[in-house]
Amino acid sequence: MWYWWRRPEALKLEEAEEELLQSDVISNSLGSKPILTDKGHTLRVSWSWTLQSVMLVCSFAFFISGRYDEPTEAACTRKMFPYSPALEAVEYHDETIKGEFMQPSPFRGTPTPEIDARWEEIADGNAFNVASDKIHLLNKSISRPWHHTDPIYGGGIAAQSWGSHQLHCLNILRQATFEDAYRKADRLPEILRVTNEVRRNHLGKSHFAAISVFYNHKVWPRV
């Protein structure tokens, strides 16, 4: 029987080469993975900081916008008042009104044709159209028998400024106050020819629920 026998030196050399080969394989495998792991970790950290920075900038921008971007007067008007085609024409300005009782006024005094003309000018507000699809914005039902204007004028629901209506009623009160003067001048307005009950109904139906407060004359500063 034959036996194959290797010299100890050859065995040691083979073992050394095998260990070296295994060491190279392990070194290469272990040396490449940390590189990939470091890149992935760096990428995740970078994205995290980027997202946090973007969120911080957006939050700061929203804060500044909400702090200094105040609503316009037009936006406030639309929120505070019911729908009206006239809202687009509303403008605001500061004005000190001279409201003393004895303050001279071109609308005050014993009725004359000139004074009556001034009142008619401010109280005779022109009517305008309200589109039928907007009537619900006034909390009204389209099924009611609204008066519609002629199609050549728009064909919408006829309406008038409430301010003009109030001035019209105030003018009636003024005329009723000077009824005797109108009778003497033979210029009695038609509204004063009807009964007081009709006038009471006409004026009473248009009152508001708003209140007017009184002040103490002793502490109210004179201007």
Protein backbone atom coordinates (compact mmCIF):
# COMPACT_ATOMS: atom_id res chain seq x y z
CA MET A 1 0.00 0.00 0.00
CA TRP A 2 1.28 3.43 -0.96
CA TYR A 3 0.89 6.54 1.16
CA TRP A 4 1.28 10.07 -0.09
CA TRP A 5 3.33 12.06 2.31
CA ARG A 6 4.09 15.76 2.18
CA ARG A 7 6.93 17.45 3.79
CA PRO A 8 6.20 19.60 6.83
CA GLU A 9 7.60 22.66 5.11
CA ALA A 10 5.08 22.30 2.27
CA LEU A 11 2.20 21.95 4.72
CA LYS A 12 3.23 25.06 6.55
CA LEU A 13 3.50 26.97 3.29
CA GLU A 14 0.05 25.88 2.14
CA GLU A 15 -1.47 26.74 5.50
CA ALA A 16 0.17 30.15 5.41
CA GLU A 17 -1.13 30.81 1.88
CA GLU A 18 -4.64 29.68 2.86
CA GLU A 19 -4.66 31.92 5.92
CA LEU A 20 -3.43 34.82 3.81
CA LEU A 21 -6.14 34.18 1.22
CA GLN A 22 -8.85 34.02 3.88
CA SER A 23 -7.48 37.16 5.49
CA ASP A 24 -7.63 39.00 2.15
CA VAL A 25 -11.19 37.85 1.53
CA ILE A 26 -12.33 38.88 5.01
CA SER A 27 -10.47 42.16 4.78
CA ASN A 28 -11.99 43.00 1.41
CA SER A 29 -15.50 42.07 2.49
CA LEU A 30 -15.30 43.93 5.78
CA GLY A 31 -13.50 46.90 4.25
CA SER A 32 -16.14 47.54 1.59
CA LYS A 33 -19.24 47.36 3.80
CA PRO A 34 -18.37 50.22 6.14
CA ILE A 35 -17.93 52.48 3.14
CA LEU A 36 -21.47 51.75 1.93
CA THR A 37 -22.81 52.05 5.45
CA ASP A 38 -21.14 55.41 5.98
CA LYS A 39 -22.51 56.76 2.70
CA GLY A 40 -26.04 55.65 3.51
CA HIS A 41 -25.86 57.11 7.00
CA THR A 42 -24.51 60.39 5.67
CA LEU A 43 -27.28 60.53 3.06
CA ARG A 44 -29.98 59.96 5.66
CA VAL A 45 -28.56 62.62 7.96
CA SER A 46 -28.36 65.07 5.05
CA TRP A 47 -31.99 64.52 4.06
CA SER A 48 -33.11 64.82 7.68
CA TRP A 49 -31.41 68.18 8.13
CA THR A 50 -32.74 69.39 4.78
CA LEU A 51 -36.34 68.53 5.66
CA GLN A 52 -36.05 70.10 9.08
CA SER A 53 -34.60 73.27 7.58
CA VAL A 54 -37.40 73.49 5.01
CA MET A 55 -40.06 72.99 7.69
CA LEU A 56 -38.46 75.65 9.88
CA VAL A 57 -38.35 78.16 7.02
CA CYS A 58 -41.98 77.44 6.06
CA SER A 59 -43.14 77.79 9.66
CA PHE A 60 -41.34 81.11 10.01
CA ALA A 61 -42.79 82.34 6.71
CA PHE A 62 -46.34 81.40 7.76
CA PHE A 63 -45.84 83.14 11.10
CA ILE A 64 -44.65 86.35 9.47
CA SER A 65 -47.46 86.21 6.90
CA GLY A 66 -50.12 85.71 9.58
CA ARG A 67 -48.62 88.42 11.76
CA TYR A 68 -48.34 91.20 9.21
CA ASP A 69 -50.68 90.24 6.35
CA GLU A 70 -53.77 92.01 7.66
CA PRO A 71 -57.09 91.63 5.82
CA THR A 72 -58.06 94.40 3.45
CA GLU A 73 -60.97 96.73 4.05
CA ALA A 74 -62.84 95.06 1.20
CA ALA A 75 -62.43 91.63 2.82
CA CYS A 76 -63.65 92.96 6.18
CA THR A 77 -66.65 94.61 4.53
CA ARG A 78 -67.68 91.36 2.85
CA LYS A 79 -67.46 89.57 6.21
CA MET A 80 -69.36 92.18 8.24
CA PHE A 81 -72.20 93.01 5.85
CA PRO A 82 -74.68 90.93 3.87
CA TYR A 83 -74.29 90.61 0.13
CA SER A 84 -74.80 93.73 -1.92
CA PRO A 85 -73.68 94.71 -5.42
CA ALA A 86 -72.68 98.05 -3.91
CA LEU A 87 -70.00 96.56 -1.64
CA GLU A 88 -67.42 96.87 -4.40
CA ALA A 89 -67.88 100.64 -4.38
CA VAL A 90 -67.54 101.05 -0.60
CA GLU A 91 -64.53 103.06 0.51
CA TYR A 92 -63.59 104.21 4.00
CA HIS A 93 -62.07 107.44 5.26
CA ASP A 94 -61.79 109.27 8.56
CA GLU A 95 -64.04 112.25 9.02
CA THR A 96 -65.05 114.35 12.00
CA ILE A 97 -68.78 115.00 11.77
CA LYS A 98 -70.13 118.23 13.19
CA GLY A 99 -73.10 116.86 15.08
CA GLU A 100 -74.11 119.63 17.46
CA PHE A 101 -77.82 120.33 17.66
CA MET A 102 -77.54 123.95 16.51
CA GLN A 103 -74.94 123.23 13.86
CA PRO A 104 -75.86 125.05 10.62
CA SER A 105 -76.97 122.68 7.89
CA PRO A 106 -78.23 123.16 4.32
CA PHE A 107 -80.89 120.53 5.09
CA ARG A 108 -82.34 122.35 8.12
CA GLY A 109 -84.94 125.06 8.41
CA THR A 110 -88.45 125.94 7.38
CA PRO A 111 -89.22 124.09 4.15
CA THR A 112 -88.36 125.88 0.95
CA PRO A 113 -88.16 124.53 -2.59
CA GLU A 114 -84.36 124.64 -2.30
CA ILE A 115 -84.29 122.61 0.94
CA ASP A 116 -86.79 120.12 -0.45
CA ALA A 117 -84.65 119.67 -3.56
CA ARG A 118 -81.59 118.90 -1.43
CA TRP A 119 -83.51 116.23 0.48
CA GLU A 120 -84.90 114.70 -2.67
CA GLU A 121 -81.40 114.51 -4.11
CA ILE A 122 -80.00 112.43 -1.24
CA ALA A 123 -83.16 110.43 -0.46
CA ASP A 124 -84.11 109.39 -3.98
CA GLY A 125 -81.69 106.49 -4.37
CA ASN A 126 -81.71 104.79 -7.72
CA ALA A 127 -82.85 101.17 -7.87
CA PHE A 128 -80.57 98.45 -9.20
CA ASN A 129 -80.67 94.77 -10.09
CA VAL A 130 -79.83 91.83 -7.87
CA ALA A 131 -79.18 88.61 -9.75
CA SER A 132 -81.69 85.87 -8.92
CA ASP A 133 -78.91 83.42 -8.07
CA LYS A 134 -77.66 85.86 -5.40
CA ILE A 135 -80.91 86.31 -3.51
CA HIS A 136 -80.13 83.42 -1.16
CA LEU A 137 -77.14 85.42 0.12
CA LEU A 138 -79.69 87.80 1.64
CA ASN A 139 -81.38 84.88 3.42
CA LYS A 140 -84.32 85.20 1.04
CA SER A 141 -86.16 82.55 -0.93
CA ILE A 142 -86.27 82.72 -4.72
CA SER A 143 -89.84 81.36 -4.63
CA ARG A 144 -91.26 84.63 -3.31
CA PRO A 145 -92.97 86.97 -5.80
CA TRP A 146 -90.08 89.39 -6.23
CA HIS A 147 -90.44 92.33 -8.57
CA HIS A 148 -88.17 91.92 -11.58
CA THR A 149 -86.98 94.79 -13.71
CA ASP A 150 -87.55 94.93 -17.43
CA PRO A 151 -85.11 92.72 -19.40
CA ILE A 152 -83.70 95.81 -21.11
CA TYR A 153 -82.52 96.95 -17.66
CA GLY A 154 -81.07 93.60 -16.67
CA GLY A 155 -84.13 91.58 -15.68
CA GLY A 156 -82.89 91.02 -12.13
CA ILE A 157 -84.73 91.50 -8.86
CA ALA A 158 -85.30 95.19 -8.18
CA ALA A 159 -83.54 96.51 -5.11
CA GLN A 160 -82.55 99.77 -3.45
CA SER A 161 -79.87 100.81 -1.03
CA TRP A 162 -81.12 100.54 2.55
CA GLY A 163 -79.40 103.82 3.33
CA SER A 164 -81.46 105.58 0.67
CA HIS A 165 -84.62 104.03 2.11
CA GLN A 166 -83.77 105.35 5.58
CA LEU A 167 -83.11 108.83 4.22
CA HIS A 168 -86.47 108.67 2.45
CA CYS A 169 -88.19 107.84 5.75
CA LEU A 170 -86.28 110.60 7.54
CA ASN A 171 -87.44 113.06 4.89
CA ILE A 172 -91.04 112.03 5.59
CA LEU A 173 -90.53 112.78 9.28
CA ARG A 174 -89.10 116.18 8.37
CA GLN A 175 -92.08 116.95 6.16
CA ALA A 176 -94.50 115.83 8.88
CA THR A 177 -92.75 118.13 11.35
CA PHE A 178 -93.42 121.11 9.09
CA GLU A 179 -96.88 120.03 7.94
CA ASP A 180 -98.42 123.41 8.77
CA ALA A 181 -95.75 125.23 6.76
CA TYR A 182 -96.41 123.00 3.77
CA ARG A 183 -100.17 123.59 4.05
CA LYS A 184 -99.71 127.35 4.18
CA ALA A 185 -97.49 127.24 1.11
CA ASP A 186 -99.97 124.87 -0.57
CA ARG A 187 -97.13 122.40 -1.14
CA LEU A 188 -98.31 119.53 1.04
CA PRO A 189 -96.41 116.36 0.01
CA GLU A 190 -98.54 113.42 -1.08
CA ILE A 191 -97.28 111.25 1.78
CA LEU A 192 -98.74 113.77 4.27
CA ARG A 193 -102.17 113.54 2.66
CA VAL A 194 -102.66 109.98 3.89
CA THR A 195 -103.65 109.00 7.40
CA ASN A 196 -101.22 108.85 10.30
CA GLU A 197 -101.78 105.08 10.51
CA VAL A 198 -100.40 104.63 7.01
CA ARG A 199 -97.36 106.73 7.88
CA ARG A 200 -96.84 104.81 11.12
CA ASN A 201 -96.85 101.51 9.25
CA HIS A 202 -94.53 102.89 6.59
CA LEU A 203 -91.97 104.12 9.13
CA GLY A 204 -92.36 101.37 11.71
CA LYS A 205 -91.65 98.51 9.33
CA SER A 206 -88.16 99.75 8.58
CA HIS A 207 -86.71 100.09 12.08
CA PHE A 208 -83.53 98.28 13.11
CA ALA A 209 -82.77 96.41 16.32
CA ALA A 210 -79.68 98.55 16.82
CA ILE A 211 -79.49 100.72 19.92
CA SER A 212 -78.46 104.29 20.61
CA VAL A 213 -76.81 104.99 23.96
CA PHE A 214 -77.08 108.19 25.96
CA TYR A 215 -74.30 110.07 27.70
CA ASN A 216 -74.12 112.30 30.76
CA HIS A 217 -73.88 115.95 29.71
CA LYS A 218 -71.94 116.83 32.86
CA VAL A 219 -68.98 114.61 32.01
CA TRP A 220 -69.11 114.81 28.23
CA PRO A 221 -66.28 117.08 27.01
CA ARG A 222 -67.25 120.02 24.86
CA VAL A 223 -65.48 120.53 21.54
